[in-house]
N, C-alpha and C. Protein backbone atom coordinates (compact mmCIF):
# COMPACT_ATOMS: atom_id res chain seq x y z
N MET A 1 123.64 98.85 95.68
CA MET A 1 122.28 99.07 96.02
C MET A 1 122.10 100.46 96.23
N ARG A 2 120.77 101.02 95.81
CA ARG A 2 120.53 102.38 95.93
C ARG A 2 120.01 102.73 97.27
N LYS A 3 120.26 103.86 97.80
CA LYS A 3 119.94 104.26 99.19
C LYS A 3 118.75 105.03 99.11
N LEU A 4 117.97 104.83 100.01
CA LEU A 4 116.57 105.56 100.14
C LEU A 4 116.80 106.87 100.75
N PRO A 5 116.07 107.84 100.35
CA PRO A 5 116.20 109.29 100.94
C PRO A 5 115.74 109.11 102.50
N PRO A 6 116.14 110.07 103.31
CA PRO A 6 115.62 110.11 104.64
C PRO A 6 114.14 110.25 104.80
N ARG A 7 113.62 109.74 105.89
CA ARG A 7 112.16 109.72 106.19
C ARG A 7 111.58 111.12 106.19
N TRP A 8 112.36 112.18 106.65
CA TRP A 8 111.80 113.49 106.56
C TRP A 8 111.62 114.02 105.11
N PHE A 9 112.59 113.55 104.21
CA PHE A 9 112.44 114.05 102.91
C PHE A 9 111.09 113.28 102.23
N ILE A 10 110.95 112.04 102.46
CA ILE A 10 109.86 111.39 101.88
C ILE A 10 108.53 112.00 102.39
N ARG A 11 108.50 112.27 103.66
CA ARG A 11 107.25 112.90 104.16
C ARG A 11 106.97 114.28 103.54
N GLY A 12 107.99 115.07 103.40
CA GLY A 12 107.92 116.33 102.76
C GLY A 12 107.38 116.22 101.24
N ALA A 13 107.98 115.20 100.57
CA ALA A 13 107.67 114.99 99.26
C ALA A 13 106.12 114.56 99.18
N TRP A 14 105.61 113.76 100.11
CA TRP A 14 104.28 113.40 100.13
C TRP A 14 103.33 114.62 100.30
N GLN A 15 103.79 115.45 101.23
CA GLN A 15 102.92 116.71 101.46
C GLN A 15 102.85 117.60 100.20
N ALA A 16 104.07 117.78 99.64
CA ALA A 16 104.17 118.58 98.38
C ALA A 16 103.30 117.96 97.24
N HIS A 17 103.19 116.61 97.12
CA HIS A 17 102.58 115.87 96.15
C HIS A 17 101.05 116.11 96.26
N ARG A 18 100.57 115.98 97.58
CA ARG A 18 99.18 116.04 97.76
C ARG A 18 98.77 117.52 97.50
N ARG A 19 99.48 118.61 97.73
CA ARG A 19 99.24 119.85 97.42
C ARG A 19 99.11 120.01 95.85
N LEU A 20 100.11 119.48 95.26
CA LEU A 20 100.06 119.52 93.74
C LEU A 20 98.92 118.82 93.06
N ILE A 21 98.50 117.74 93.61
CA ILE A 21 97.31 117.10 93.16
C ILE A 21 96.10 117.94 93.35
N ARG A 22 95.93 118.58 94.60
CA ARG A 22 94.88 119.37 94.81
C ARG A 22 94.66 120.56 93.79
N VAL A 23 95.86 120.97 93.40
CA VAL A 23 95.85 122.27 92.32
C VAL A 23 95.68 121.65 90.98
N THR A 24 96.31 120.62 90.59
CA THR A 24 96.29 120.16 89.08
C THR A 24 95.21 119.08 89.00
N GLY A 25 94.78 118.45 90.00
CA GLY A 25 93.79 117.39 89.78
C GLY A 25 94.37 116.00 89.51
N LEU A 26 93.43 115.08 89.50
CA LEU A 26 93.86 113.67 89.29
C LEU A 26 94.07 113.45 87.89
N SER A 27 94.70 112.29 87.50
CA SER A 27 95.16 112.02 86.08
C SER A 27 94.94 110.46 85.79
N ALA A 28 94.70 110.24 84.61
CA ALA A 28 94.71 108.80 84.20
C ALA A 28 96.10 108.31 83.80
N PRO A 29 96.38 107.09 83.77
CA PRO A 29 97.69 106.64 83.21
C PRO A 29 97.69 107.00 81.69
N LYS A 30 99.03 107.29 81.22
CA LYS A 30 99.18 107.82 79.90
C LYS A 30 100.20 106.94 79.19
N PRO A 31 100.02 106.94 77.86
CA PRO A 31 101.18 106.16 77.11
C PRO A 31 102.52 106.59 77.37
N GLY A 32 103.39 105.85 77.37
CA GLY A 32 104.75 106.31 77.49
C GLY A 32 105.24 106.07 78.95
N GLY A 33 104.41 105.20 79.73
CA GLY A 33 104.93 104.83 81.04
C GLY A 33 104.54 105.91 82.13
N LYS A 34 103.59 106.74 81.98
CA LYS A 34 103.23 107.70 83.04
C LYS A 34 102.05 107.13 83.79
N PHE A 35 102.18 106.89 85.09
CA PHE A 35 100.96 106.22 85.76
C PHE A 35 100.10 107.42 86.11
N GLY A 36 98.88 107.10 86.51
CA GLY A 36 97.82 108.02 86.91
C GLY A 36 97.68 108.19 88.45
N TYR A 37 96.89 109.14 88.75
CA TYR A 37 96.76 109.33 90.36
C TYR A 37 95.19 109.16 90.63
N LEU A 38 94.98 108.48 91.68
CA LEU A 38 93.57 108.40 92.17
C LEU A 38 93.55 108.71 93.66
N ARG A 39 92.34 109.06 94.09
CA ARG A 39 92.15 109.37 95.44
C ARG A 39 91.35 108.12 96.12
N LEU A 40 91.91 107.47 97.01
CA LEU A 40 91.38 106.30 97.71
C LEU A 40 90.79 106.73 98.99
N HIS A 41 89.37 106.31 99.16
CA HIS A 41 88.72 106.54 100.46
C HIS A 41 88.44 105.26 101.08
N THR A 42 88.95 105.08 102.36
CA THR A 42 88.79 103.91 103.11
C THR A 42 88.15 104.28 104.34
N THR A 43 87.83 103.23 105.35
CA THR A 43 87.37 103.45 106.66
C THR A 43 88.42 103.02 107.64
N GLY A 44 88.84 103.90 108.47
CA GLY A 44 89.84 103.59 109.48
C GLY A 44 89.54 102.31 110.31
N ARG A 45 90.52 101.45 110.25
CA ARG A 45 90.26 100.13 110.92
C ARG A 45 90.11 100.20 112.44
N ARG A 46 90.59 101.18 113.08
CA ARG A 46 90.35 101.38 114.49
C ARG A 46 89.44 102.59 114.83
N SER A 47 89.41 103.58 114.13
CA SER A 47 88.60 104.75 114.49
C SER A 47 87.24 104.62 113.73
N GLY A 48 87.19 103.88 112.67
CA GLY A 48 85.89 103.96 111.85
C GLY A 48 85.66 105.12 111.16
N ARG A 49 86.65 106.08 111.19
CA ARG A 49 86.51 107.35 110.46
C ARG A 49 86.87 107.29 109.10
N PRO A 50 86.31 108.07 108.11
CA PRO A 50 86.78 108.21 106.73
C PRO A 50 88.27 108.65 106.62
N ARG A 51 88.93 107.97 105.69
CA ARG A 51 90.35 108.31 105.46
C ARG A 51 90.49 108.39 103.95
N ALA A 52 91.43 109.31 103.52
CA ALA A 52 91.70 109.50 102.06
C ALA A 52 93.16 109.61 101.82
N VAL A 53 93.58 109.15 100.68
CA VAL A 53 95.03 109.13 100.34
C VAL A 53 95.13 109.12 98.87
N ILE A 54 96.15 109.84 98.27
CA ILE A 54 96.44 109.92 96.90
C ILE A 54 97.48 108.76 96.59
N LEU A 55 97.19 108.01 95.54
CA LEU A 55 98.02 106.96 95.04
C LEU A 55 98.30 106.91 93.59
N GLY A 56 99.44 106.61 93.13
CA GLY A 56 99.68 106.41 91.78
C GLY A 56 99.23 105.01 91.39
N TYR A 57 98.71 104.83 90.20
CA TYR A 57 98.19 103.53 89.79
C TYR A 57 98.41 103.39 88.26
N ILE A 58 98.13 102.12 87.90
CA ILE A 58 98.08 101.77 86.58
C ILE A 58 96.85 101.02 86.23
N GLU A 59 96.35 100.85 85.03
CA GLU A 59 95.17 100.05 84.73
C GLU A 59 95.60 98.75 84.18
N ASP A 60 94.81 97.72 84.55
CA ASP A 60 95.05 96.31 84.00
C ASP A 60 93.61 95.80 83.67
N GLY A 61 93.30 96.12 82.43
CA GLY A 61 91.85 95.89 82.01
C GLY A 61 90.90 96.70 82.77
N ASN A 62 89.90 96.12 83.45
CA ASN A 62 89.05 96.90 84.26
C ASN A 62 89.40 97.25 85.69
N THR A 63 90.72 96.81 86.02
CA THR A 63 91.17 96.90 87.35
C THR A 63 92.13 98.03 87.47
N LEU A 64 92.35 98.49 88.64
CA LEU A 64 93.32 99.57 88.95
C LEU A 64 94.43 98.88 89.88
N VAL A 65 95.63 99.07 89.64
CA VAL A 65 96.74 98.38 90.33
C VAL A 65 97.75 99.39 90.97
N THR A 66 98.05 99.10 92.24
CA THR A 66 99.04 100.08 92.89
C THR A 66 99.87 99.19 93.80
N LEU A 67 100.90 99.85 94.38
CA LEU A 67 101.81 99.11 95.35
C LEU A 67 101.46 99.58 96.77
N ALA A 68 101.39 98.74 97.66
CA ALA A 68 101.18 98.98 99.17
C ALA A 68 102.53 99.32 99.72
N MET A 69 103.00 100.48 99.59
CA MET A 69 104.41 100.85 100.20
C MET A 69 104.17 102.04 100.99
N ASN A 70 105.13 102.25 101.87
CA ASN A 70 105.13 103.41 102.87
C ASN A 70 106.43 104.23 102.50
N GLY A 71 106.59 104.63 101.31
CA GLY A 71 107.87 105.28 101.09
C GLY A 71 109.01 104.26 100.99
N TRP A 72 108.72 103.05 100.67
CA TRP A 72 109.66 101.88 100.69
C TRP A 72 110.11 101.57 102.09
N ASP A 73 109.39 102.16 103.09
CA ASP A 73 109.68 101.76 104.53
C ASP A 73 109.16 100.33 104.64
N ARG A 74 109.71 99.70 105.65
CA ARG A 74 109.29 98.25 106.00
C ARG A 74 107.85 98.10 106.38
N ALA A 75 107.31 99.17 107.01
CA ALA A 75 105.97 99.01 107.51
C ALA A 75 104.83 99.26 106.41
N ASP A 76 103.77 98.58 106.47
CA ASP A 76 102.71 98.85 105.50
C ASP A 76 102.05 100.08 105.75
N PRO A 77 101.47 100.85 104.70
CA PRO A 77 100.82 102.03 104.84
C PRO A 77 99.49 101.87 105.39
N ALA A 78 99.00 102.82 106.24
CA ALA A 78 97.70 102.60 106.94
C ALA A 78 96.55 102.33 106.06
N TRP A 79 96.53 102.97 104.86
CA TRP A 79 95.47 102.62 103.86
C TRP A 79 95.40 101.15 103.60
N TRP A 80 96.60 100.49 103.49
CA TRP A 80 96.46 99.08 103.17
C TRP A 80 96.05 98.25 104.32
N LEU A 81 96.38 98.70 105.51
CA LEU A 81 96.02 98.01 106.75
C LEU A 81 94.41 98.19 106.82
N ASN A 82 93.96 99.38 106.51
CA ASN A 82 92.47 99.57 106.53
C ASN A 82 91.68 98.69 105.48
N LEU A 83 92.34 98.54 104.37
CA LEU A 83 91.74 97.65 103.38
C LEU A 83 91.77 96.08 103.71
N ARG A 84 92.76 95.82 104.49
CA ARG A 84 92.86 94.41 104.89
C ARG A 84 91.68 94.08 105.91
N THR A 85 91.38 95.06 106.63
CA THR A 85 90.34 95.00 107.52
C THR A 85 88.96 95.10 106.84
N ASP A 86 88.77 95.97 105.98
CA ASP A 86 87.52 96.05 105.14
C ASP A 86 87.98 96.52 103.73
N PRO A 87 87.86 95.47 102.67
CA PRO A 87 88.27 95.68 101.42
C PRO A 87 87.51 96.61 100.52
N HIS A 88 86.32 97.06 101.03
CA HIS A 88 85.35 97.88 100.27
C HIS A 88 85.76 99.29 100.45
N ALA A 89 85.94 100.03 99.31
CA ALA A 89 86.39 101.39 99.32
C ALA A 89 85.88 102.06 98.15
N THR A 90 86.14 103.36 98.02
CA THR A 90 85.75 104.13 96.79
C THR A 90 86.98 104.86 96.26
N VAL A 91 87.18 104.97 94.98
CA VAL A 91 88.26 105.83 94.38
C VAL A 91 87.75 106.92 93.50
N ASP A 92 88.39 108.01 93.58
CA ASP A 92 88.03 109.18 92.69
C ASP A 92 89.01 109.16 91.54
N LEU A 93 88.59 108.97 90.46
CA LEU A 93 89.35 109.11 89.19
C LEU A 93 88.91 110.33 88.39
N THR A 94 89.49 110.64 87.25
CA THR A 94 89.05 111.63 86.37
C THR A 94 87.70 111.33 85.83
N THR A 95 87.18 110.07 85.91
CA THR A 95 85.89 109.85 85.29
C THR A 95 84.75 109.75 86.37
N GLY A 96 85.30 110.13 87.68
CA GLY A 96 84.17 110.20 88.76
C GLY A 96 84.70 109.22 89.86
N THR A 97 83.60 109.11 90.79
CA THR A 97 83.85 108.21 91.93
C THR A 97 83.28 106.89 91.65
N HIS A 98 84.09 105.87 92.05
CA HIS A 98 83.74 104.50 91.72
C HIS A 98 83.98 103.64 92.99
N PRO A 99 82.87 102.77 93.32
CA PRO A 99 83.06 101.88 94.36
C PRO A 99 84.01 100.68 93.93
N VAL A 100 84.94 100.19 94.86
CA VAL A 100 85.77 99.06 94.43
C VAL A 100 85.96 98.17 95.58
N THR A 101 86.47 97.04 95.30
CA THR A 101 86.86 96.02 96.24
C THR A 101 88.28 95.62 96.02
N ALA A 102 89.16 95.71 97.12
CA ALA A 102 90.61 95.53 96.96
C ALA A 102 90.96 94.16 97.39
N HIS A 103 91.98 93.57 96.67
CA HIS A 103 92.64 92.30 97.04
C HIS A 103 94.05 92.45 96.80
N GLU A 104 94.91 91.57 97.42
CA GLU A 104 96.30 91.43 97.16
C GLU A 104 96.56 90.50 96.14
N ALA A 105 97.39 90.87 95.08
CA ALA A 105 97.67 89.92 94.05
C ALA A 105 98.71 88.91 94.56
N THR A 106 98.56 87.74 94.12
CA THR A 106 99.48 86.70 94.55
C THR A 106 99.87 85.78 93.39
N GLY A 107 100.86 85.02 93.49
CA GLY A 107 101.22 84.08 92.51
C GLY A 107 101.52 84.66 91.12
N PRO A 108 100.95 84.02 90.03
CA PRO A 108 101.17 84.44 88.64
C PRO A 108 100.65 85.88 88.39
N GLU A 109 99.46 86.27 89.11
CA GLU A 109 98.90 87.44 88.96
C GLU A 109 99.84 88.64 89.50
N ARG A 110 100.40 88.33 90.68
CA ARG A 110 101.38 89.29 91.15
C ARG A 110 102.49 89.51 90.28
N ALA A 111 103.15 88.41 89.89
CA ALA A 111 104.29 88.42 88.93
C ALA A 111 104.14 89.23 87.70
N ARG A 112 102.90 89.01 87.07
CA ARG A 112 102.61 89.64 85.86
C ARG A 112 102.35 91.15 86.10
N LEU A 113 101.78 91.56 87.22
CA LEU A 113 101.50 92.97 87.55
C LEU A 113 102.81 93.56 87.88
N TRP A 114 103.64 93.00 88.78
CA TRP A 114 104.89 93.47 89.13
C TRP A 114 105.77 93.80 87.79
N ALA A 115 105.64 92.87 86.87
CA ALA A 115 106.50 93.17 85.58
C ALA A 115 105.85 94.43 84.86
N ALA A 116 104.51 94.44 84.83
CA ALA A 116 103.85 95.58 84.23
C ALA A 116 104.26 96.91 84.98
N LEU A 117 104.34 96.93 86.29
CA LEU A 117 104.76 98.22 86.92
C LEU A 117 106.18 98.64 86.56
N HIS A 118 107.00 97.69 86.08
CA HIS A 118 108.35 98.21 85.67
C HIS A 118 108.28 99.11 84.40
N ASP A 119 107.17 99.15 83.60
CA ASP A 119 107.03 99.88 82.41
C ASP A 119 106.69 101.42 82.77
N TYR A 120 106.34 101.64 83.98
CA TYR A 120 105.99 103.00 84.45
C TYR A 120 107.02 103.70 85.18
N THR A 121 107.12 105.01 84.87
CA THR A 121 108.08 105.87 85.44
C THR A 121 107.60 106.26 86.82
N GLY A 122 108.45 106.72 87.79
CA GLY A 122 107.95 107.16 88.99
C GLY A 122 108.25 106.24 90.12
N TYR A 123 108.30 105.00 89.97
CA TYR A 123 108.57 104.04 90.90
C TYR A 123 110.19 103.79 91.14
N GLY A 124 110.87 104.12 90.20
CA GLY A 124 112.36 103.99 90.22
C GLY A 124 112.59 102.54 89.98
N ASP A 125 113.74 102.10 90.45
CA ASP A 125 114.17 100.64 90.28
C ASP A 125 113.42 99.80 91.40
N LEU A 126 112.24 99.29 90.87
CA LEU A 126 111.46 98.57 91.77
C LEU A 126 112.10 97.35 92.49
N ASP A 127 112.87 96.63 91.74
CA ASP A 127 113.49 95.46 92.38
C ASP A 127 114.53 95.85 93.39
N ALA A 128 115.34 96.87 93.08
CA ALA A 128 116.32 97.34 94.10
C ALA A 128 115.75 97.93 95.30
N PHE A 129 114.69 98.70 95.17
CA PHE A 129 114.01 99.24 96.49
C PHE A 129 113.38 98.21 97.24
N ALA A 130 112.66 97.29 96.53
CA ALA A 130 111.92 96.26 97.13
C ALA A 130 112.81 95.47 98.03
N THR A 131 114.05 95.13 97.64
CA THR A 131 114.95 94.36 98.43
C THR A 131 115.15 95.03 99.79
N GLN A 132 115.26 96.28 99.74
CA GLN A 132 115.59 97.13 100.92
C GLN A 132 114.35 96.97 102.01
N ARG A 133 113.26 96.69 101.53
CA ARG A 133 112.16 96.67 102.54
C ARG A 133 112.30 95.29 103.35
N GLY A 134 112.95 94.29 102.94
CA GLY A 134 113.19 93.13 103.70
C GLY A 134 112.03 92.18 103.63
N ARG A 135 110.95 92.51 102.92
CA ARG A 135 109.86 91.61 102.63
C ARG A 135 109.09 92.00 101.44
N GLU A 136 108.28 91.15 100.92
CA GLU A 136 107.56 91.40 99.65
C GLU A 136 106.63 92.60 99.80
N THR A 137 106.66 93.41 98.73
CA THR A 137 105.74 94.59 98.61
C THR A 137 104.43 94.10 98.05
N PRO A 138 103.35 94.22 98.79
CA PRO A 138 102.03 93.93 98.31
C PRO A 138 101.68 94.68 97.03
N VAL A 139 101.23 93.99 96.04
CA VAL A 139 100.59 94.46 94.80
C VAL A 139 99.05 94.47 95.04
N VAL A 140 98.48 95.72 95.04
CA VAL A 140 96.90 95.75 95.42
C VAL A 140 96.20 96.04 94.15
N VAL A 141 95.14 95.35 93.95
CA VAL A 141 94.34 95.35 92.89
C VAL A 141 92.91 95.88 93.34
N PHE A 142 92.31 96.80 92.53
CA PHE A 142 91.06 97.42 92.93
C PHE A 142 90.12 97.02 91.73
N ALA A 143 89.16 96.22 92.09
CA ALA A 143 88.15 95.71 91.18
C ALA A 143 86.90 96.66 91.29
N ARG A 144 86.43 97.18 90.15
CA ARG A 144 85.24 97.97 90.34
C ARG A 144 84.10 97.14 90.65
N ARG A 145 83.08 97.65 91.55
CA ARG A 145 81.87 96.96 91.79
C ARG A 145 80.78 97.42 90.98
């Protein structure tokens, strides 16, 4: 079983990643298994304040797909908790800002999308890391409104 890096390393990588995206901009998924980056805007479930986060994603037809993971930690990320309270959000893509509605993929849809995520680099060994979480990693689908 692969060991996860320490929490301080993951947090540092997230900070560096956000800075890099600020400098280089967002990107769309590319052939050859490179996922794209989007900026998700949600409303804080407790504060009601705007929140934003950078996420890797893939496209599935007209929808955008990502994993609700917190550096493979057991806890769900705040953005996913916010979306479970209010599934309406906006995403910034290379094509502009788009309103979306989020839902968690389940059953056959989840299995199909989980398999599709295996084709993209950057997530590592999905199955090995997912078993370390101790519970199922939500697959989140953003449908454009």
